[in-house]
C-alpha atoms as a PDB file:
ATOM      1  CA  MET A   1      92.974 116.286 134.599  1.00  0.00           C
ATOM      2  CA  LEU A   2      93.758 119.920 134.699  1.00  0.00           C
ATOM      3  CA  TRP A   3      96.213 120.404 131.890  1.00  0.00           C
ATOM      4  CA  CYS A   4      98.229 123.323 130.720  1.00  0.00           C
ATOM      5  CA  ASP A   5      97.790 124.563 127.150  1.00  0.00           C
ATOM      6  CA  GLY A   6     100.957 122.863 126.023  1.00  0.00           C
ATOM      7  CA  CYS A   7      99.860 119.514 127.321  1.00  0.00           C
ATOM      8  CA  VAL A   8      96.499 119.824 125.642  1.00  0.00           C
ATOM      9  CA  ALA A   9      98.061 120.739 122.303  1.00  0.00           C
ATOM     10  CA  ARG A  10     100.568 117.835 122.494  1.00  0.00           C
ATOM     11  CA  ALA A  11      97.815 115.327 123.438  1.00  0.00           C
ATOM     12  CA  ARG A  12      95.529 116.516 120.616  1.00  0.00           C
ATOM     13  CA  ALA A  13      98.392 116.268 118.158  1.00  0.00           C
ATOM     14  CA  ARG A  14      99.250 112.789 119.265  1.00  0.00           C
ATOM     15  CA  ALA A  15      95.629 111.729 119.147  1.00  0.00           C
ATOM     16  CA  LYS A  16      95.265 113.184 115.695  1.00  0.00           C
ATOM     17  CA  ARG A  17      98.361 111.203 114.447  1.00  0.00           C
ATOM     18  CA  ILE A  18      96.979 108.029 115.996  1.00  0.00           C
ATOM     19  CA  GLY A  19      93.542 108.711 114.391  1.00  0.00           C
ATOM     20  CA  LEU A  20      94.917 109.378 110.934  1.00  0.00           C
ATOM     21  CA  LEU A  21      97.135 106.319 111.036  1.00  0.00           C
ATOM     22  CA  SER A  22      94.234 104.084 112.223  1.00  0.00           C
ATOM     23  CA  GLY A  23      91.971 105.522 109.516  1.00  0.00           C
ATOM     24  CA  ALA A  24      94.614 105.014 106.857  1.00  0.00           C
ATOM     25  CA  VAL A  25      95.109 101.371 107.867  1.00  0.00           C
ATOM     26  CA  VAL A  26      91.395 100.541 107.860  1.00  0.00           C
ATOM     27  CA  ALA A  27      90.844 102.437 104.538  1.00  0.00           C
ATOM     28  CA  ALA A  28      93.818 100.556 102.964  1.00  0.00           C
ATOM     29  CA  GLY A  29      92.304  97.280 104.155  1.00  0.00           C
ATOM     30  CA  LEU A  30      88.950  98.177 102.696  1.00  0.00           C
ATOM     31  CA  ALA A  31      90.508  99.301  99.414  1.00  0.00           C
ATOM     32  CA  SER A  32      92.502  96.040  99.208  1.00  0.00           C
ATOM     33  CA  TRP A  33      89.324  93.989  99.898  1.00  0.00           C
ATOM     34  CA  ILE A  34      87.372  95.945  97.250  1.00  0.00           C
ATOM     35  CA  TYR A  35      90.139  95.486  94.735  1.00  0.00           C
ATOM     36  CA  LEU A  36      90.951  91.848  95.365  1.00  0.00           C
ATOM     37  CA  VAL A  37      87.512  90.417  96.310  1.00  0.00           C
ATOM     38  CA  GLN A  38      84.904  92.666  94.745  1.00  0.00           C
ATOM     39  CA  ARG A  39      86.742  93.468  91.526  1.00  0.00           C
ATOM     40  CA  PRO A  40      84.875  96.781  90.860  1.00  0.00           C
ATOM     41  CA  SER A  41      83.825  97.746  87.394  1.00  0.00           C
ATOM     42  CA  ALA A  42      84.875 100.979  85.745  1.00  0.00           C
ATOM     43  CA  MET A  43      81.373 102.286  85.990  1.00  0.00           C
ATOM     44  CA  LEU A  44      81.275 102.112  89.768  1.00  0.00           C
ATOM     45  CA  ILE A  45      84.806 103.073  90.637  1.00  0.00           C
ATOM     46  CA  GLY A  46      83.705 106.519  91.852  1.00  0.00           C
ATOM     47  CA  GLY A  47      81.354 105.052  94.371  1.00  0.00           C
ATOM     48  CA  TRP A  48      84.070 102.689  95.666  1.00  0.00           C
ATOM     49  CA  ILE A  49      86.546 105.541  95.969  1.00  0.00           C
ATOM     50  CA  GLY A  50      83.931 107.555  97.862  1.00  0.00           C
ATOM     51  CA  ALA A  51      83.361 104.557 100.249  1.00  0.00           C
ATOM     52  CA  VAL A  52      87.070 104.301 100.920  1.00  0.00           C
ATOM     53  CA  LEU A  53      87.412 108.113 101.554  1.00  0.00           C
ATOM     54  CA  ALA A  54      84.351 108.094 103.814  1.00  0.00           C
ATOM     55  CA  THR A  55      85.822 105.193 105.744  1.00  0.00           C
ATOM     56  CA  LEU A  56      89.097 107.002 106.161  1.00  0.00           C
ATOM     57  CA  TRP A  57      87.371 110.114 107.454  1.00  0.00           C
ATOM     58  CA  LEU A  58      84.983 108.258 109.860  1.00  0.00           C
ATOM     59  CA  VAL A  59      87.516 105.870 111.280  1.00  0.00           C
ATOM     60  CA  ALA A  60      90.133 108.752 111.702  1.00  0.00           C
ATOM     61  CA  ARG A  61      87.604 110.914 113.510  1.00  0.00           C
ATOM     62  CA  ALA A  62      86.391 108.103 115.790  1.00  0.00           C
ATOM     63  CA  ALA A  63      89.984 106.891 116.593  1.00  0.00           C
ATOM     64  CA  THR A  64      91.105 110.514 117.265  1.00  0.00           C
ATOM     65  CA  GLU A  65      88.399 111.050 119.798  1.00  0.00           C
ATOM     66  CA  LEU A  66      88.890 107.632 121.365  1.00  0.00           C
ATOM     67  CA  SER A  67      92.622 108.087 121.678  1.00  0.00           C
ATOM     68  CA  TYR A  68      92.300 111.545 123.084  1.00  0.00           C
ATOM     69  CA  GLY A  69      89.894 110.184 125.745  1.00  0.00           C
ATOM     70  CA  VAL A  70      92.347 107.401 126.588  1.00  0.00           C
ATOM     71  CA  LEU A  71      95.223 109.909 126.877  1.00  0.00           C
ATOM     72  CA  ARG A  72      93.195 112.062 129.231  1.00  0.00           C
ATOM     73  CA  VAL A  73      92.169 109.128 131.458  1.00  0.00           C
ATOM     74  CA  ARG A  74      95.757 107.751 131.576  1.00  0.00           C
ATOM     75  CA  ARG A  75      97.181 111.212 132.330  1.00  0.00           C
ATOM     76  CA  GLY A  76      94.601 111.677 135.068  1.00  0.00           C
ATOM     77  CA  ALA A  77      95.496 108.338 136.603  1.00  0.00           C
ATOM     78  CA  LEU A  78      99.209 109.187 136.501  1.00  0.00           C
ATOM     79  CA  ALA A  79      98.554 112.585 138.075  1.00  0.00           C
ATOM     80  CA  ALA A  80      96.497 111.000 140.808  1.00  0.00           C
ATOM     81  CA  ARG A  81      99.491 108.857 141.732  1.00  0.00           C
ATOM     82  CA  GLY A  82     101.834 111.833 141.537  1.00  0.00           C
ATOM     83  CA  LYS A  83     103.799 110.471 138.556  1.00  0.00           C
ATOM     84  CA  ALA A  84     102.667 112.932 135.824  1.00  0.00           C
ATOM     85  CA  SER A  85     104.666 116.001 135.232  1.00  0.00           C
ATOM     86  CA  CYS A  86     104.674 118.176 132.111  1.00  0.00           C
ATOM     87  CA  GLY A  87     107.588 120.223 133.221  1.00  0.00           C
ATOM     88  CA  VAL A  88     105.366 123.254 134.003  1.00  0.00           C
ATOM     89  CA  ARG A  89     106.053 124.237 137.581  1.00  0.00           C
ATOM     90  CA  THR A  90     104.102 126.447 139.925  1.00  0.00           C
ATOM     91  CA  ALA A  91     105.587 128.976 142.293  1.00  0.00           C
ATOM     92  CA  LEU A  92     105.809 126.313 144.975  1.00  0.00           C
ATOM     93  CA  GLY A  93     107.893 123.965 142.662  1.00  0.00           C
ATOM     94  CA  ARG A  94     105.088 121.467 142.119  1.00  0.00           C
ATOM     95  CA  SER A  95     103.610 120.484 138.773  1.00  0.00           C
ATOM     96  CA  ARG A  96     100.222 121.935 137.967  1.00  0.00           C
ATOM     97  CA  HIS A  97      98.887 118.477 137.109  1.00  0.00           C
ATOM     98  CA  SER A  98      99.645 116.797 140.440  1.00  0.00           C
ATOM     99  CA  ARG A  99      96.885 118.689 142.299  1.00  0.00           C
END
Protein backbone atom coordinates (compact mmCIF):
# COMPACT_ATOMS: atom_id res chain seq x y z
CA MET A 1 0.00 0.00 0.00
CA LEU A 2 2.88 2.33 -0.69
CA TRP A 3 1.44 4.89 -3.07
CA CYS A 4 2.98 7.72 -4.99
CA ASP A 5 1.64 11.24 -4.42
CA GLY A 6 -0.37 11.17 -7.63
CA CYS A 7 -2.13 7.94 -6.66
CA VAL A 8 -3.01 9.30 -3.23
CA ALA A 9 -4.41 12.50 -4.76
CA ARG A 10 -6.51 10.55 -7.29
CA ALA A 11 -7.81 8.16 -4.63
CA ARG A 12 -8.72 11.02 -2.29
CA ALA A 13 -10.49 12.90 -5.09
CA ARG A 14 -12.45 9.79 -6.07
CA ALA A 15 -13.37 9.07 -2.45
CA LYS A 16 -14.53 12.68 -2.02
CA ARG A 17 -16.77 12.44 -5.10
CA ILE A 18 -18.25 9.18 -3.84
CA GLY A 19 -18.77 10.68 -0.39
CA LEU A 20 -20.46 13.83 -1.64
CA LEU A 21 -22.72 11.85 -3.94
CA SER A 22 -23.68 9.50 -1.10
CA GLY A 23 -24.35 12.41 1.23
CA ALA A 24 -26.45 14.19 -1.37
CA VAL A 25 -28.55 11.08 -2.01
CA VAL A 26 -29.21 10.48 1.70
CA ALA A 27 -29.92 14.17 2.35
CA ALA A 28 -32.32 14.29 -0.60
CA GLY A 29 -34.09 11.22 0.75
CA LEU A 30 -34.36 12.81 4.18
CA ALA A 31 -35.63 16.08 2.69
CA SER A 32 -38.25 14.17 0.69
CA TRP A 33 -39.37 12.28 3.77
CA ILE A 34 -39.59 15.47 5.80
CA TYR A 35 -41.55 17.27 3.08
CA LEU A 36 -43.91 14.41 2.17
CA VAL A 37 -44.45 12.67 5.51
CA GLN A 38 -43.73 15.19 8.25
CA ARG A 39 -45.16 18.28 6.53
CA PRO A 40 -43.07 20.85 8.45
CA SER A 41 -44.60 24.09 9.62
CA ALA A 42 -43.13 27.46 8.67
CA MET A 43 -41.97 27.98 12.26
CA LEU A 44 -39.69 24.94 12.25
CA ILE A 45 -38.38 25.06 8.70
CA GLY A 46 -34.95 26.30 9.83
CA GLY A 47 -34.53 23.30 12.11
CA TRP A 48 -35.45 20.89 9.33
CA ILE A 49 -33.05 22.57 6.94
CA GLY A 50 -30.33 22.31 9.58
CA ALA A 51 -31.09 18.61 10.01
CA VAL A 52 -30.80 18.00 6.26
CA LEU A 53 -27.51 19.94 6.02
CA ALA A 54 -26.09 18.11 9.04
CA THR A 55 -27.08 14.81 7.45
CA LEU A 56 -25.40 15.83 4.20
CA TRP A 57 -22.16 16.71 5.98
CA LEU A 58 -22.08 13.65 8.28
CA VAL A 59 -22.93 11.10 5.60
CA ALA A 60 -20.53 12.68 3.10
CA ARG A 61 -17.71 12.62 5.65
CA ALA A 62 -18.37 9.01 6.69
CA ALA A 63 -18.77 7.80 3.10
CA THR A 64 -15.57 9.59 2.05
CA GLU A 65 -13.54 7.88 4.77
CA LEU A 66 -15.15 4.51 4.10
CA SER A 67 -14.61 4.68 0.35
CA TYR A 68 -10.99 5.83 0.77
CA GLY A 69 -10.37 2.85 3.04
CA VAL A 70 -11.95 0.50 0.52
CA LEU A 71 -9.85 1.99 -2.28
CA ARG A 72 -6.68 1.49 -0.22
CA VAL A 73 -7.50 -2.12 0.62
CA ARG A 74 -8.48 -2.96 -2.96
CA ARG A 75 -5.35 -1.29 -4.31
CA GLY A 76 -3.22 -3.19 -1.79
CA ALA A 77 -4.82 -6.48 -2.81
CA LEU A 78 -4.16 -5.76 -6.49
CA ALA A 79 -0.57 -4.77 -5.75
CA ALA A 80 -0.03 -7.99 -3.81
CA ARG A 81 -1.07 -9.95 -6.90
CA GLY A 82 1.09 -7.81 -9.14
CA LYS A 83 -1.83 -6.33 -11.08
CA ALA A 84 -1.70 -2.73 -9.82
CA SER A 85 0.26 -0.21 -11.75
CA CYS A 86 -0.05 3.54 -11.57
CA GLY A 87 2.27 4.18 -14.47
CA VAL A 88 5.09 5.42 -12.22
CA ARG A 89 8.12 3.27 -12.92
CA THR A 90 11.29 2.85 -10.95
CA ALA A 91 14.78 2.73 -12.42
CA LEU A 92 14.41 -1.06 -12.81
CA GLY A 93 11.22 -0.71 -14.82
CA ARG A 94 8.90 -1.99 -12.11
CA SER A 95 5.97 -0.11 -10.63
CA ARG A 96 6.58 1.32 -7.16
CA HIS A 97 3.35 -0.27 -5.94
CA SER A 98 4.19 -3.87 -6.75
CA ARG A 99 6.82 -4.19 -4.04
